[in-house]
Amino acid sequence: MNRVFSKFDAIVSLVGGGVSQIADSSIVYHDGQSPPSDEEVNAEVVRLQEEYDALQYQRDREPEYPLIADQLDYIYHNGIAKWKSDMVKPVKDAHPKP
């Protein structure tokens, strides 16, 4: 599932908490923050999206790893080196870091 960041996501990232969006898409600042400029918001949307996209390999790997109980059992019976080569390496090879 690909996530697309909104201007509201960017505003929350830039100013922190105490921000809400009402039905007409207006932004309300609750803690006296200064609203960021449109340029700052647009740049933050791009930054958030790039950061998210760069970590896609992690999201792809996660469902392919066995359950932690199964991994621990494998380590107990076969050792860490065998666990790394048999359980971890194939997933990392299938979904390498960019």
PDB file of N, CA and C in Angstrom:
ATOM      1  N   MET A   1       0.845  -1.176   0.000  1.00  0.00           N
ATOM      2  CA  MET A   1       0.000   0.000   0.000  1.00  0.00           C
ATOM      3  C   MET A   1       0.890   1.238   0.000  1.00  0.00           C
ATOM      4  N   ASN A   2       0.653   2.092  -0.939  1.00  0.00           N
ATOM      5  CA  ASN A   2       1.460   3.299  -1.043  1.00  0.00           C
ATOM      6  C   ASN A   2       0.756   4.450  -0.337  1.00  0.00           C
ATOM      7  N   ARG A   3       1.482   5.157   0.448  1.00  0.00           N
ATOM      8  CA  ARG A   3       0.911   6.292   1.172  1.00  0.00           C
ATOM      9  C   ARG A   3       1.233   7.575   0.425  1.00  0.00           C
ATOM     10  N   VAL A   4       0.268   8.476   0.382  1.00  0.00           N
ATOM     11  CA  VAL A   4       0.470   9.789  -0.214  1.00  0.00           C
ATOM     12  C   VAL A   4       0.263  10.813   0.898  1.00  0.00           C
ATOM     13  N   PHE A   5       1.250  11.671   1.086  1.00  0.00           N
ATOM     14  CA  PHE A   5       1.193  12.659   2.156  1.00  0.00           C
ATOM     15  C   PHE A   5       0.441  13.899   1.699  1.00  0.00           C
ATOM     16  N   SER A   6      -0.347  14.434   2.598  1.00  0.00           N
ATOM     17  CA  SER A   6      -1.148  15.622   2.314  1.00  0.00           C
ATOM     18  C   SER A   6      -0.472  16.869   2.873  1.00  0.00           C
ATOM     19  N   LYS A   7      -1.025  18.007   2.511  1.00  0.00           N
ATOM     20  CA  LYS A   7      -0.515  19.265   3.068  1.00  0.00           C
ATOM     21  C   LYS A   7      -0.739  19.297   4.580  1.00  0.00           C
ATOM     22  N   PHE A   8      -1.829  18.704   5.050  1.00  0.00           N
ATOM     23  CA  PHE A   8      -2.074  18.654   6.484  1.00  0.00           C
ATOM     24  C   PHE A   8      -0.996  17.835   7.188  1.00  0.00           C
ATOM     25  N   ASP A   9      -0.607  16.703   6.601  1.00  0.00           N
ATOM     26  CA  ASP A   9       0.490  15.901   7.167  1.00  0.00           C
ATOM     27  C   ASP A   9       1.754  16.750   7.289  1.00  0.00           C
ATOM     28  N   ALA A  10       2.031  17.521   6.256  1.00  0.00           N
ATOM     29  CA  ALA A  10       3.226  18.366   6.249  1.00  0.00           C
ATOM     30  C   ALA A  10       3.138  19.450   7.320  1.00  0.00           C
ATOM     31  N   ILE A  11       1.975  20.042   7.474  1.00  0.00           N
ATOM     32  CA  ILE A  11       1.801  21.091   8.483  1.00  0.00           C
ATOM     33  C   ILE A  11       2.002  20.516   9.879  1.00  0.00           C
ATOM     34  N   VAL A  12       1.412  19.352  10.142  1.00  0.00           N
ATOM     35  CA  VAL A  12       1.586  18.706  11.446  1.00  0.00           C
ATOM     36  C   VAL A  12       3.064  18.416  11.695  1.00  0.00           C
ATOM     37  N   SER A  13       3.756  17.953  10.679  1.00  0.00           N
ATOM     38  CA  SER A  13       5.183  17.669  10.807  1.00  0.00           C
ATOM     39  C   SER A  13       5.983  18.936  11.101  1.00  0.00           C
ATOM     40  N   LEU A  14       5.608  20.021  10.475  1.00  0.00           N
ATOM     41  CA  LEU A  14       6.351  21.273  10.634  1.00  0.00           C
ATOM     42  C   LEU A  14       6.083  21.976  11.960  1.00  0.00           C
ATOM     43  N   VAL A  15       4.822  21.985  12.421  1.00  0.00           N
ATOM     44  CA  VAL A  15       4.489  22.780  13.609  1.00  0.00           C
ATOM     45  C   VAL A  15       4.232  21.944  14.859  1.00  0.00           C
ATOM     46  N   GLY A  16       4.142  20.635  14.712  1.00  0.00           N
ATOM     47  CA  GLY A  16       3.900  19.794  15.878  1.00  0.00           C
ATOM     48  C   GLY A  16       2.429  19.703  16.217  1.00  0.00           C
ATOM     49  N   GLY A  17       2.135  19.378  17.465  1.00  0.00           N
ATOM     50  CA  GLY A  17       0.767  19.152  17.911  1.00  0.00           C
ATOM     51  C   GLY A  17      -0.074  20.410  17.950  1.00  0.00           C
ATOM     52  N   GLY A  18      -1.301  20.220  18.352  1.00  0.00           N
ATOM     53  CA  GLY A  18      -2.216  21.348  18.491  1.00  0.00           C
ATOM     54  C   GLY A  18      -2.691  21.908  17.173  1.00  0.00           C
ATOM     55  N   VAL A  19      -2.849  21.030  16.168  1.00  0.00           N
ATOM     56  CA  VAL A  19      -3.322  21.451  14.857  1.00  0.00           C
ATOM     57  C   VAL A  19      -4.478  20.537  14.489  1.00  0.00           C
ATOM     58  N   SER A  20      -5.528  21.118  13.934  1.00  0.00           N
ATOM     59  CA  SER A  20      -6.633  20.288  13.462  1.00  0.00           C
ATOM     60  C   SER A  20      -7.148  20.843  12.144  1.00  0.00           C
ATOM     61  N   GLN A  21      -7.856  19.968  11.445  1.00  0.00           N
ATOM     62  CA  GLN A  21      -8.432  20.352  10.164  1.00  0.00           C
ATOM     63  C   GLN A  21      -9.932  20.198  10.293  1.00  0.00           C
ATOM     64  N   ILE A  22     -10.669  21.226   9.940  1.00  0.00           N
ATOM     65  CA  ILE A  22     -12.122  21.163  10.047  1.00  0.00           C
ATOM     66  C   ILE A  22     -12.726  20.795   8.691  1.00  0.00           C
ATOM     67  N   ALA A  23     -14.026  20.580   8.685  1.00  0.00           N
ATOM     68  CA  ALA A  23     -14.730  20.021   7.523  1.00  0.00           C
ATOM     69  C   ALA A  23     -14.449  20.747   6.208  1.00  0.00           C
ATOM     70  N   ASP A  24     -14.294  22.048   6.241  1.00  0.00           N
ATOM     71  CA  ASP A  24     -14.060  22.785   4.990  1.00  0.00           C
ATOM     72  C   ASP A  24     -12.576  22.836   4.621  1.00  0.00           C
ATOM     73  N   SER A  25     -11.770  21.976   5.246  1.00  0.00           N
ATOM     74  CA  SER A  25     -10.328  21.855   5.012  1.00  0.00           C
ATOM     75  C   SER A  25      -9.507  23.005   5.590  1.00  0.00           C
ATOM     76  N   SER A  26     -10.136  23.854   6.394  1.00  0.00           N
ATOM     77  CA  SER A  26      -9.386  24.914   7.066  1.00  0.00           C
ATOM     78  C   SER A  26      -8.527  24.306   8.160  1.00  0.00           C
ATOM     79  N   ILE A  27      -7.351  24.892   8.369  1.00  0.00           N
ATOM     80  CA  ILE A  27      -6.436  24.438   9.406  1.00  0.00           C
ATOM     81  C   ILE A  27      -6.589  25.358  10.613  1.00  0.00           C
ATOM     82  N   VAL A  28      -6.719  24.753  11.801  1.00  0.00           N
ATOM     83  CA  VAL A  28      -6.836  25.506  13.039  1.00  0.00           C
ATOM     84  C   VAL A  28      -5.597  25.206  13.882  1.00  0.00           C
ATOM     85  N   TYR A  29      -4.902  26.256  14.310  1.00  0.00           N
ATOM     86  CA  TYR A  29      -3.708  26.135  15.151  1.00  0.00           C
ATOM     87  C   TYR A  29      -4.129  26.423  16.583  1.00  0.00           C
ATOM     88  N   HIS A  30      -3.958  25.437  17.467  1.00  0.00           N
ATOM     89  CA  HIS A  30      -4.453  25.539  18.841  1.00  0.00           C
ATOM     90  C   HIS A  30      -3.425  26.046  19.841  1.00  0.00           C
ATOM     91  N   ASP A  31      -2.157  25.986  19.510  1.00  0.00           N
ATOM     92  CA  ASP A  31      -1.121  26.306  20.480  1.00  0.00           C
ATOM     93  C   ASP A  31      -0.314  27.542  20.107  1.00  0.00           C
ATOM     94  N   GLY A  32      -0.905  28.421  19.319  1.00  0.00           N
ATOM     95  CA  GLY A  32      -0.240  29.667  18.967  1.00  0.00           C
ATOM     96  C   GLY A  32       0.892  29.525  17.965  1.00  0.00           C
ATOM     97  N   GLN A  33       0.928  28.425  17.210  1.00  0.00           N
ATOM     98  CA  GLN A  33       1.982  28.254  16.224  1.00  0.00           C
ATOM     99  C   GLN A  33       1.796  29.241  15.073  1.00  0.00           C
ATOM    100  N   SER A  34       2.885  29.522  14.418  1.00  0.00           N
ATOM    101  CA  SER A  34       2.821  30.339  13.209  1.00  0.00           C
ATOM    102  C   SER A  34       2.614  29.410  12.026  1.00  0.00           C
ATOM    103  N   PRO A  35       1.631  29.691  11.192  1.00  0.00           N
ATOM    104  CA  PRO A  35       1.419  28.838  10.028  1.00  0.00           C
ATOM    105  C   PRO A  35       2.637  28.879   9.103  1.00  0.00           C
ATOM    106  N   PRO A  36       3.065  27.723   8.597  1.00  0.00           N
ATOM    107  CA  PRO A  36       4.190  27.708   7.663  1.00  0.00           C
ATOM    108  C   PRO A  36       3.770  28.262   6.305  1.00  0.00           C
ATOM    109  N   SER A  37       4.748  28.703   5.549  1.00  0.00           N
ATOM    110  CA  SER A  37       4.460  29.217   4.206  1.00  0.00           C
ATOM    111  C   SER A  37       4.099  28.066   3.275  1.00  0.00           C
ATOM    112  N   ASP A  38       3.466  28.400   2.143  1.00  0.00           N
ATOM    113  CA  ASP A  38       3.128  27.379   1.150  1.00  0.00           C
ATOM    114  C   ASP A  38       4.382  26.665   0.655  1.00  0.00           C
ATOM    115  N   GLU A  39       5.473  27.414   0.502  1.00  0.00           N
ATOM    116  CA  GLU A  39       6.723  26.807   0.042  1.00  0.00           C
ATOM    117  C   GLU A  39       7.244  25.795   1.062  1.00  0.00           C
ATOM    118  N   GLU A  40       7.167  26.143   2.339  1.00  0.00           N
ATOM    119  CA  GLU A  40       7.607  25.223   3.390  1.00  0.00           C
ATOM    120  C   GLU A  40       6.737  23.968   3.407  1.00  0.00           C
ATOM    121  N   VAL A  41       5.439  24.156   3.262  1.00  0.00           N
ATOM    122  CA  VAL A  41       4.513  23.024   3.270  1.00  0.00           C
ATOM    123  C   VAL A  41       4.783  22.111   2.077  1.00  0.00           C
ATOM    124  N   ASN A  42       4.915  22.690   0.894  1.00  0.00           N
ATOM    125  CA  ASN A  42       5.166  21.886  -0.308  1.00  0.00           C
ATOM    126  C   ASN A  42       6.488  21.132  -0.202  1.00  0.00           C
ATOM    127  N   ALA A  43       7.520  21.784   0.318  1.00  0.00           N
ATOM    128  CA  ALA A  43       8.818  21.127   0.489  1.00  0.00           C
ATOM    129  C   ALA A  43       8.713  19.994   1.507  1.00  0.00           C
ATOM    130  N   GLU A  44       7.922  20.178   2.553  1.00  0.00           N
ATOM    131  CA  GLU A  44       7.754  19.139   3.574  1.00  0.00           C
ATOM    132  C   GLU A  44       6.980  17.947   3.021  1.00  0.00           C
ATOM    133  N   VAL A  45       5.985  18.188   2.177  1.00  0.00           N
ATOM    134  CA  VAL A  45       5.262  17.085   1.536  1.00  0.00           C
ATOM    135  C   VAL A  45       6.243  16.226   0.740  1.00  0.00           C
ATOM    136  N   VAL A  46       7.100  16.872  -0.028  1.00  0.00           N
ATOM    137  CA  VAL A  46       8.096  16.151  -0.824  1.00  0.00           C
ATOM    138  C   VAL A  46       9.055  15.386   0.081  1.00  0.00           C
ATOM    139  N   ARG A  47       9.531  16.026   1.152  1.00  0.00           N
ATOM    140  CA  ARG A  47      10.472  15.374   2.066  1.00  0.00           C
ATOM    141  C   ARG A  47       9.842  14.161   2.734  1.00  0.00           C
ATOM    142  N   LEU A  48       8.609  14.309   3.227  1.00  0.00           N
ATOM    143  CA  LEU A  48       7.924  13.193   3.874  1.00  0.00           C
ATOM    144  C   LEU A  48       7.734  12.029   2.902  1.00  0.00           C
ATOM    145  N   GLN A  49       7.347  12.335   1.662  1.00  0.00           N
ATOM    146  CA  GLN A  49       7.125  11.284   0.671  1.00  0.00           C
ATOM    147  C   GLN A  49       8.426  10.571   0.320  1.00  0.00           C
ATOM    148  N   GLU A  50       9.494  11.336   0.146  1.00  0.00           N
ATOM    149  CA  GLU A  50      10.795  10.729  -0.167  1.00  0.00           C
ATOM    150  C   GLU A  50      11.283   9.843   0.974  1.00  0.00           C
ATOM    151  N   GLU A  51      11.097  10.314   2.202  1.00  0.00           N
ATOM    152  CA  GLU A  51      11.507   9.529   3.369  1.00  0.00           C
ATOM    153  C   GLU A  51      10.709   8.228   3.447  1.00  0.00           C
ATOM    154  N   TYR A  52       9.417   8.311   3.225  1.00  0.00           N
ATOM    155  CA  TYR A  52       8.550   7.137   3.259  1.00  0.00           C
ATOM    156  C   TYR A  52       8.925   6.157   2.148  1.00  0.00           C
ATOM    157  N   ASP A  53       9.090   6.665   0.945  1.00  0.00           N
ATOM    158  CA  ASP A  53       9.412   5.813  -0.200  1.00  0.00           C
ATOM    159  C   ASP A  53      10.764   5.126  -0.030  1.00  0.00           C
ATOM    160  N   ALA A  54      11.720   5.799   0.591  1.00  0.00           N
ATOM    161  CA  ALA A  54      13.059   5.232   0.782  1.00  0.00           C
ATOM    162  C   ALA A  54      13.041   4.024   1.713  1.00  0.00           C
ATOM    163  N   LEU A  55      12.012   3.891   2.513  1.00  0.00           N
ATOM    164  CA  LEU A  55      11.925   2.779   3.461  1.00  0.00           C
ATOM    165  C   LEU A  55      10.985   1.673   2.988  1.00  0.00           C
ATOM    166  N   GLN A  56      10.633   1.672   1.708  1.00  0.00           N
ATOM    167  CA  GLN A  56       9.734   0.652   1.164  1.00  0.00           C
ATOM    168  C   GLN A  56      10.293  -0.750   1.371  1.00  0.00           C
ATOM    169  N   TYR A  57      11.603  -0.906   1.237  1.00  0.00           N
ATOM    170  CA  TYR A  57      12.203  -2.228   1.411  1.00  0.00           C
ATOM    171  C   TYR A  57      11.891  -2.812   2.793  1.00  0.00           C
ATOM    172  N   GLN A  58      11.797  -1.970   3.809  1.00  0.00           N
ATOM    173  CA  GLN A  58      11.473  -2.456   5.155  1.00  0.00           C
ATOM    174  C   GLN A  58      10.041  -2.990   5.203  1.00  0.00           C
ATOM    175  N   ARG A  59       9.130  -2.266   4.580  1.00  0.00           N
ATOM    176  CA  ARG A  59       7.736  -2.706   4.563  1.00  0.00           C
ATOM    177  C   ARG A  59       7.572  -3.979   3.736  1.00  0.00           C
ATOM    178  N   ASP A  60       8.383  -4.136   2.689  1.00  0.00           N
ATOM    179  CA  ASP A  60       8.327  -5.350   1.875  1.00  0.00           C
ATOM    180  C   ASP A  60       8.891  -6.551   2.621  1.00  0.00           C
ATOM    181  N   ARG A  61       9.903  -6.346   3.432  1.00  0.00           N
ATOM    182  CA  ARG A  61      10.526  -7.440   4.178  1.00  0.00           C
ATOM    183  C   ARG A  61       9.641  -7.969   5.294  1.00  0.00           C
ATOM    184  N   GLU A  62       8.987  -7.068   5.984  1.00  0.00           N
ATOM    185  CA  GLU A  62       8.292  -7.426   7.228  1.00  0.00           C
ATOM    186  C   GLU A  62       7.374  -8.646   7.113  1.00  0.00           C
ATOM    187  N   PRO A  63       6.480  -8.729   6.130  1.00  0.00           N
ATOM    188  CA  PRO A  63       5.583  -9.900   6.103  1.00  0.00           C
ATOM    189  C   PRO A  63       6.277 -11.204   5.709  1.00  0.00           C
ATOM    190  N   GLU A  64       7.477 -11.124   5.175  1.00  0.00           N
ATOM    191  CA  GLU A  64       8.183 -12.330   4.746  1.00  0.00           C
ATOM    192  C   GLU A  64       8.989 -12.992   5.858  1.00  0.00           C
ATOM    193  N   TYR A  65       9.286 -12.269   6.912  1.00  0.00           N
ATOM    194  CA  TYR A  65       9.994 -12.882   8.032  1.00  0.00           C
ATOM    195  C   TYR A  65       9.045 -13.818   8.773  1.00  0.00           C
ATOM    196  N   PRO A  66       9.554 -14.961   9.234  1.00  0.00           N
ATOM    197  CA  PRO A  66       8.721 -15.855  10.047  1.00  0.00           C
ATOM    198  C   PRO A  66       8.336 -15.175  11.372  1.00  0.00           C
ATOM    199  N   LEU A  67       7.344 -15.733  12.025  1.00  0.00           N
ATOM    200  CA  LEU A  67       6.947 -15.229  13.340  1.00  0.00           C
ATOM    201  C   LEU A  67       8.139 -15.261  14.281  1.00  0.00           C
ATOM    202  N   ILE A  68       8.192 -14.338  15.215  1.00  0.00           N
ATOM    203  CA  ILE A  68       9.328 -14.239  16.129  1.00  0.00           C
ATOM    204  C   ILE A  68       9.508 -15.523  16.939  1.00  0.00           C
ATOM    205  N   ALA A  69       8.409 -16.165  17.323  1.00  0.00           N
ATOM    206  CA  ALA A  69       8.509 -17.428  18.075  1.00  0.00           C
ATOM    207  C   ALA A  69       9.217 -18.488  17.236  1.00  0.00           C
ATOM    208  N   ASP A  70       8.901 -18.539  15.947  1.00  0.00           N
ATOM    209  CA  ASP A  70       9.552 -19.496  15.058  1.00  0.00           C
ATOM    210  C   ASP A  70      11.033 -19.162  14.878  1.00  0.00           C
ATOM    211  N   GLN A  71      11.334 -17.889  14.798  1.00  0.00           N
ATOM    212  CA  GLN A  71      12.734 -17.488  14.662  1.00  0.00           C
ATOM    213  C   GLN A  71      13.534 -17.835  15.912  1.00  0.00           C
ATOM    214  N   LEU A  72      12.977 -17.581  17.067  1.00  0.00           N
ATOM    215  CA  LEU A  72      13.669 -17.901  18.321  1.00  0.00           C
ATOM    216  C   LEU A  72      13.874 -19.408  18.468  1.00  0.00           C
ATOM    217  N   ASP A  73      12.884 -20.178  18.086  1.00  0.00           N
ATOM    218  CA  ASP A  73      13.013 -21.629  18.125  1.00  0.00           C
ATOM    219  C   ASP A  73      14.122 -22.088  17.182  1.00  0.00           C
ATOM    220  N   TYR A  74      14.195 -21.479  16.010  1.00  0.00           N
ATOM    221  CA  TYR A  74      15.236 -21.823  15.038  1.00  0.00           C
ATOM    222  C   TYR A  74      16.619 -21.485  15.583  1.00  0.00           C
ATOM    223  N   ILE A  75      16.727 -20.334  16.217  1.00  0.00           N
ATOM    224  CA  ILE A  75      18.005 -19.948  16.835  1.00  0.00           C
ATOM    225  C   ILE A  75      18.396 -20.949  17.920  1.00  0.00           C
ATOM    226  N   TYR A  76      17.443 -21.340  18.750  1.00  0.00           N
ATOM    227  CA  TYR A  76      17.715 -22.283  19.834  1.00  0.00           C
ATOM    228  C   TYR A  76      18.256 -23.608  19.288  1.00  0.00           C
ATOM    229  N   HIS A  77      17.633 -24.102  18.222  1.00  0.00           N
ATOM    230  CA  HIS A  77      18.008 -25.411  17.688  1.00  0.00           C
ATOM    231  C   HIS A  77      19.188 -25.367  16.717  1.00  0.00           C
ATOM    232  N   ASN A  78      19.416 -24.218  16.056  1.00  0.00           N
ATOM    233  CA  ASN A  78      20.416 -24.181  14.986  1.00  0.00           C
ATOM    234  C   ASN A  78      21.509 -23.135  15.164  1.00  0.00           C
ATOM    235  N   GLY A  79      21.316 -22.205  16.073  1.00  0.00           N
ATOM    236  CA  GLY A  79      22.302 -21.153  16.297  1.00  0.00           C
ATOM    237  C   GLY A  79      22.036 -19.902  15.469  1.00  0.00           C
ATOM    238  N   ILE A  80      22.660 -18.831  15.892  1.00  0.00           N
ATOM    239  CA  ILE A  80      22.430 -17.527  15.258  1.00  0.00           C
ATOM    240  C   ILE A  80      22.966 -17.481  13.833  1.00  0.00           C
ATOM    241  N   ALA A  81      24.145 -18.062  13.601  1.00  0.00           N
ATOM    242  CA  ALA A  81      24.722 -18.009  12.250  1.00  0.00           C
ATOM    243  C   ALA A  81      23.797 -18.689  11.241  1.00  0.00           C
ATOM    244  N   LYS A  82      23.239 -19.829  11.608  1.00  0.00           N
ATOM    245  CA  LYS A  82      22.332 -20.562  10.719  1.00  0.00           C
ATOM    246  C   LYS A  82      21.027 -19.787  10.531  1.00  0.00           C
ATOM    247  N   TRP A  83      20.524 -19.160  11.590  1.00  0.00           N
ATOM    248  CA  TRP A  83      19.323 -18.321  11.503  1.00  0.00           C
ATOM    249  C   TRP A  83      19.543 -17.186  10.514  1.00  0.00           C
ATOM    250  N   LYS A  84      20.697 -16.526  10.629  1.00  0.00           N
ATOM    251  CA  LYS A  84      20.997 -15.416   9.721  1.00  0.00           C
ATOM    252  C   LYS A  84      21.039 -15.888   8.273  1.00  0.00           C
ATOM    253  N   SER A  85      21.690 -17.027   8.032  1.00  0.00           N
ATOM    254  CA  SER A  85      21.836 -17.495   6.648  1.00  0.00           C
ATOM    255  C   SER A  85      20.554 -18.103   6.091  1.00  0.00           C
ATOM    256  N   ASP A  86      19.752 -18.735   6.949  1.00  0.00           N
ATOM    257  CA  ASP A  86      18.564 -19.437   6.463  1.00  0.00           C
ATOM    258  C   ASP A  86      17.279 -18.605   6.516  1.00  0.00           C
ATOM    259  N   MET A  87      17.172 -17.701   7.464  1.00  0.00           N
ATOM    260  CA  MET A  87      15.923 -16.966   7.633  1.00  0.00           C
ATOM    261  C   MET A  87      16.025 -15.483   7.293  1.00  0.00           C
ATOM    262  N   VAL A  88      17.129 -14.875   7.630  1.00  0.00           N
ATOM    263  CA  VAL A  88      17.262 -13.429   7.442  1.00  0.00           C
ATOM    264  C   VAL A  88      17.794 -13.089   6.054  1.00  0.00           C
ATOM    265  N   LYS A  89      18.868 -13.734   5.664  1.00  0.00           N
ATOM    266  CA  LYS A  89      19.530 -13.392   4.393  1.00  0.00           C
ATOM    267  C   LYS A  89      18.607 -13.533   3.171  1.00  0.00           C
ATOM    268  N   PRO A  90      17.795 -14.609   3.059  1.00  0.00           N
ATOM    269  CA  PRO A  90      16.930 -14.720   1.886  1.00  0.00           C
ATOM    270  C   PRO A  90      15.935 -13.552   1.756  1.00  0.00           C
ATOM    271  N   VAL A  91      15.424 -13.090   2.881  1.00  0.00           N
ATOM    272  CA  VAL A  91      14.476 -11.965   2.848  1.00  0.00           C
ATOM    273  C   VAL A  91      15.206 -10.683   2.460  1.00  0.00           C
ATOM    274  N   LYS A  92      16.375 -10.478   3.059  1.00  0.00           N
ATOM    275  CA  LYS A  92      17.148  -9.273   2.718  1.00  0.00           C
ATOM    276  C   LYS A  92      17.606  -9.296   1.264  1.00  0.00           C
ATOM    277  N   ASP A  93      17.962 -10.471   0.757  1.00  0.00           N
ATOM    278  CA  ASP A  93      18.361 -10.575  -0.652  1.00  0.00           C
ATOM    279  C   ASP A  93      17.185 -10.292  -1.592  1.00  0.00           C
ATOM    280  N   ALA A  94      15.992 -10.723  -1.196  1.00  0.00           N
ATOM    281  CA  ALA A  94      14.794 -10.504  -2.022  1.00  0.00           C
ATOM    282  C   ALA A  94      14.376  -9.029  -2.027  1.00  0.00           C
ATOM    283  N   HIS A  95      14.682  -8.322  -0.940  1.00  0.00           N
ATOM    284  CA  HIS A  95      14.288  -6.913  -0.800  1.00  0.00           C
ATOM    285  C   HIS A  95      15.475  -6.111  -0.297  1.00  0.00           C
ATOM    286  N   PRO A  96      16.467  -5.842  -1.161  1.00  0.00           N
ATOM    287  CA  PRO A  96      17.672  -5.136  -0.712  1.00  0.00           C
ATOM    288  C   PRO A  96      17.415  -3.652  -0.428  1.00  0.00           C
ATOM    289  N   LYS A  97      18.280  -3.096   0.403  1.00  0.00           N
ATOM    290  CA  LYS A  97      18.250  -1.658   0.619  1.00  0.00           C
ATOM    291  C   LYS A  97      18.618  -0.975  -0.684  1.00  0.00           C
ATOM    292  N   PRO A  98      17.998   0.150  -0.961  1.00  0.00           N
ATOM    293  CA  PRO A  98      18.369   0.872  -2.192  1.00  0.00           C
ATOM    294  C   PRO A  98      19.784   1.449  -2.107  1.00  0.00           C
TER     295      PRO A  98
END
